[in-house]
Amino acid sequence: MSVHSRAGGGPVRAIIRLQREPIAIAAEVAKLVAARNDIGAVVTFTGICRADENGAPIAALNLEHYSGMAEAEIARHVEEAYARWPLLGALVTHRYGRIKPGEDIVLVATASSHRQAAFAAAEFLMDYLKTRAPFWKQVEAADGTTWVEAKSVDDAAAERWTAPPPRRGAAK
């Protein structure tokens, strides 16, 4: 787990966790907003394992990651989200290992004074996780296992974030 606090031991800035265990969504979000009264919006996204891949039934997904590198890369993109939007907190909890249909895979939560920043930052972080985070996904089906290839639709969604971020507080 990686937790970053503001200088002087202030509120939690970011929580990044990679784990095998199921995600306790409500508990995770509660940690992000604990003892805070400056937050006006929290946006959460939960990715769930589907029962099919490209229309074919699956038994499970097996997710692998590059330990250490994955946390560092996620933290780097959380910091980029802070540079782009006036965030008050961010959380990324991602599972690895064998995940069955119906189980949660990932939780992204962003907190801000206002909803627009929280929505945009959550979407930015998910687009990054889908395309650039060092995770590999293998589908387990009745006829064997196959690695999941990158999808062009995910790459296209992430491309919109390649422009340099606007300076916070700059006129739009």
Protein backbone atom coordinates (compact mmCIF):
# COMPACT_ATOMS: atom_id res chain seq x y z
CA MET A 1 0.00 0.00 0.00
CA SER A 2 1.11 3.51 -0.68
CA VAL A 3 -0.39 6.41 1.27
CA HIS A 4 0.74 9.97 0.71
CA SER A 5 -0.17 12.67 3.23
CA ARG A 6 0.13 16.38 2.82
CA ALA A 7 2.99 18.18 4.50
CA GLY A 8 2.60 18.46 8.24
CA GLY A 9 0.62 15.22 8.52
CA GLY A 10 -2.54 16.71 7.01
CA PRO A 11 -5.32 14.81 5.26
CA VAL A 12 -4.58 11.81 3.09
CA ARG A 13 -3.64 12.94 -0.42
CA ALA A 14 -3.66 9.56 -2.18
CA ILE A 15 -4.13 5.90 -1.40
CA ILE A 16 -2.74 3.34 -3.85
CA ARG A 17 -3.20 -0.34 -3.10
CA LEU A 18 -2.66 -3.51 -5.12
CA GLN A 19 -4.13 -6.61 -3.51
CA ARG A 20 -5.44 -10.13 -4.07
CA GLU A 21 -8.34 -9.72 -1.65
CA PRO A 22 -11.79 -8.39 -2.59
CA ILE A 23 -12.14 -4.62 -2.35
CA ALA A 24 -14.12 -3.22 0.59
CA ILE A 25 -15.45 -0.29 -1.43
CA ALA A 26 -17.28 1.62 1.32
CA ALA A 27 -14.36 1.23 3.74
CA GLU A 28 -11.86 2.40 1.12
CA VAL A 29 -13.87 5.53 0.31
CA ALA A 30 -14.39 6.21 4.03
CA LYS A 31 -10.59 6.29 4.49
CA LEU A 32 -10.29 8.83 1.69
CA VAL A 33 -12.79 11.27 3.18
CA ALA A 34 -12.23 10.63 6.91
CA ALA A 35 -12.38 13.78 9.07
CA ARG A 36 -12.77 16.03 6.03
CA ASN A 37 -15.30 18.82 5.60
CA ASP A 38 -13.69 20.49 2.58
CA ILE A 39 -14.79 17.79 0.14
CA GLY A 40 -17.92 18.57 -1.87
CA ALA A 41 -17.80 15.65 -4.32
CA VAL A 42 -16.52 12.10 -4.43
CA VAL A 43 -16.66 10.18 -7.69
CA THR A 44 -16.12 6.43 -7.64
CA PHE A 45 -15.68 3.95 -10.43
CA THR A 46 -15.70 0.21 -9.84
CA GLY A 47 -14.63 -2.17 -12.61
CA ILE A 48 -16.27 -5.60 -12.34
CA CYS A 49 -15.27 -8.87 -13.99
CA ARG A 50 -17.81 -9.78 -16.68
CA ALA A 51 -18.93 -13.37 -17.31
CA ASP A 52 -17.84 -13.18 -20.96
CA GLU A 53 -15.01 -11.92 -23.13
CA ASN A 54 -15.97 -11.00 -26.70
CA GLY A 55 -19.23 -12.92 -26.30
CA ALA A 56 -17.65 -16.17 -25.07
CA PRO A 57 -18.21 -17.31 -21.46
CA ILE A 58 -15.23 -17.21 -19.09
CA ALA A 59 -14.44 -18.89 -15.78
CA ALA A 60 -12.15 -16.14 -14.49
CA LEU A 61 -9.60 -13.45 -15.27
CA ASN A 62 -6.03 -13.82 -14.09
CA LEU A 63 -4.38 -10.46 -13.58
CA GLU A 64 -0.63 -10.08 -13.23
CA HIS A 65 1.31 -6.92 -12.47
CA TYR A 66 4.88 -5.73 -12.18
CA SER A 67 5.18 -5.24 -8.41
CA GLY A 68 6.79 -1.97 -7.36
CA MET A 69 6.64 -0.56 -10.87
CA ALA A 70 2.84 -0.72 -10.96
CA GLU A 71 2.48 1.27 -7.73
CA ALA A 72 5.06 3.84 -8.86
CA GLU A 73 3.38 4.29 -12.25
CA ILE A 74 -0.06 4.67 -10.69
CA ALA A 75 1.34 7.21 -8.19
CA ARG A 76 2.89 9.17 -11.08
CA HIS A 77 -0.47 9.43 -12.81
CA VAL A 78 -2.27 10.34 -9.59
CA GLU A 79 0.20 13.23 -9.27
CA GLU A 80 -0.59 14.21 -12.88
CA ALA A 81 -4.29 14.24 -11.97
CA TYR A 82 -3.45 16.59 -9.08
CA ALA A 83 -1.62 18.87 -11.54
CA ARG A 84 -4.64 18.94 -13.87
CA TRP A 85 -7.52 19.33 -11.40
CA PRO A 86 -8.02 20.76 -7.90
CA LEU A 87 -8.25 17.39 -6.16
CA LEU A 88 -8.51 16.91 -2.43
CA GLY A 89 -7.95 13.15 -2.51
CA ALA A 90 -7.46 10.18 -4.81
CA LEU A 91 -7.68 6.43 -4.36
CA VAL A 92 -6.73 3.55 -6.65
CA THR A 93 -7.23 -0.01 -5.42
CA HIS A 94 -6.51 -2.68 -8.02
CA ARG A 95 -6.74 -6.43 -7.60
CA TYR A 96 -4.45 -9.04 -9.07
CA GLY A 97 -4.59 -12.82 -9.15
CA ARG A 98 -7.63 -14.92 -10.08
CA ILE A 99 -10.86 -12.92 -10.28
CA LYS A 100 -14.21 -14.58 -10.95
CA PRO A 101 -17.13 -13.04 -12.85
CA GLY A 102 -19.07 -10.65 -10.64
CA GLU A 103 -16.05 -9.76 -8.49
CA ASP A 104 -14.58 -6.26 -8.39
CA ILE A 105 -11.31 -5.66 -10.24
CA VAL A 106 -10.57 -2.00 -9.59
CA LEU A 107 -11.80 0.96 -7.56
CA VAL A 108 -10.90 4.54 -8.46
CA ALA A 109 -12.19 7.36 -6.27
CA THR A 110 -11.45 11.07 -6.58
CA ALA A 111 -12.44 13.85 -4.21
CA SER A 112 -12.70 17.57 -4.88
CA SER A 113 -14.65 20.61 -3.78
CA HIS A 114 -16.77 20.34 -6.92
CA ARG A 115 -17.99 17.45 -9.08
CA GLN A 116 -16.46 18.49 -12.42
CA ALA A 117 -12.88 17.99 -11.23
CA ALA A 118 -13.72 14.72 -9.46
CA PHE A 119 -15.46 13.28 -12.56
CA ALA A 120 -12.67 14.32 -14.95
CA ALA A 121 -9.88 13.04 -12.70
CA ALA A 122 -11.59 9.67 -12.18
CA GLU A 123 -12.03 9.25 -15.93
CA PHE A 124 -8.41 10.25 -16.57
CA LEU A 125 -7.14 7.70 -14.03
CA MET A 126 -9.29 4.89 -15.46
CA ASP A 127 -8.18 5.65 -19.03
CA TYR A 128 -4.58 5.45 -17.82
CA LEU A 129 -5.15 2.18 -15.94
CA LYS A 130 -6.76 0.58 -19.02
CA THR A 131 -3.91 1.53 -21.36
CA ARG A 132 -0.63 2.17 -19.59
CA ALA A 133 -0.51 0.57 -16.14
CA PRO A 134 1.73 -2.51 -16.02
CA PHE A 135 -1.03 -5.11 -15.66
CA TRP A 136 -1.59 -8.15 -17.87
CA LYS A 137 -4.93 -9.91 -18.17
CA GLN A 138 -5.43 -13.54 -19.08
CA VAL A 139 -8.87 -15.02 -19.74
CA GLU A 140 -9.57 -18.46 -18.32
CA ALA A 141 -12.25 -20.28 -20.34
CA ALA A 142 -13.42 -23.86 -20.88
CA ASP A 143 -11.16 -24.20 -23.94
CA GLY A 144 -8.00 -22.84 -22.25
CA THR A 145 -6.40 -19.49 -21.50
CA THR A 146 -5.66 -16.51 -23.72
CA TRP A 147 -3.99 -13.16 -23.05
CA VAL A 148 -6.16 -10.10 -23.58
CA GLU A 149 -4.84 -7.75 -26.25
CA ALA A 150 -4.95 -3.96 -25.97
CA LYS A 151 -8.07 -2.41 -27.48
CA SER A 152 -7.91 0.51 -29.88
CA VAL A 153 -11.02 2.04 -28.30
CA ASP A 154 -9.17 2.25 -24.96
CA ASP A 155 -6.12 3.78 -26.64
CA ALA A 156 -8.31 6.37 -28.37
CA ALA A 157 -9.96 7.30 -25.07
CA ALA A 158 -6.55 7.81 -23.43
CA GLU A 159 -5.26 9.94 -26.32
CA ARG A 160 -7.45 12.88 -25.33
CA TRP A 161 -5.29 13.33 -22.22
CA THR A 162 -2.00 13.70 -24.14
CA ALA A 163 -2.30 17.47 -24.42
CA PRO A 164 -0.39 19.27 -21.67
CA PRO A 165 -2.59 19.91 -18.66
CA PRO A 166 -3.95 23.44 -18.29
CA ARG A 167 -2.38 25.34 -15.43
CA ARG A 168 -4.60 25.13 -12.38
CA GLY A 169 -6.37 28.41 -11.80
CA ALA A 170 -5.67 29.62 -15.36
CA ALA A 171 -8.51 31.25 -17.29
CA LYS A 172 -10.35 28.93 -19.62
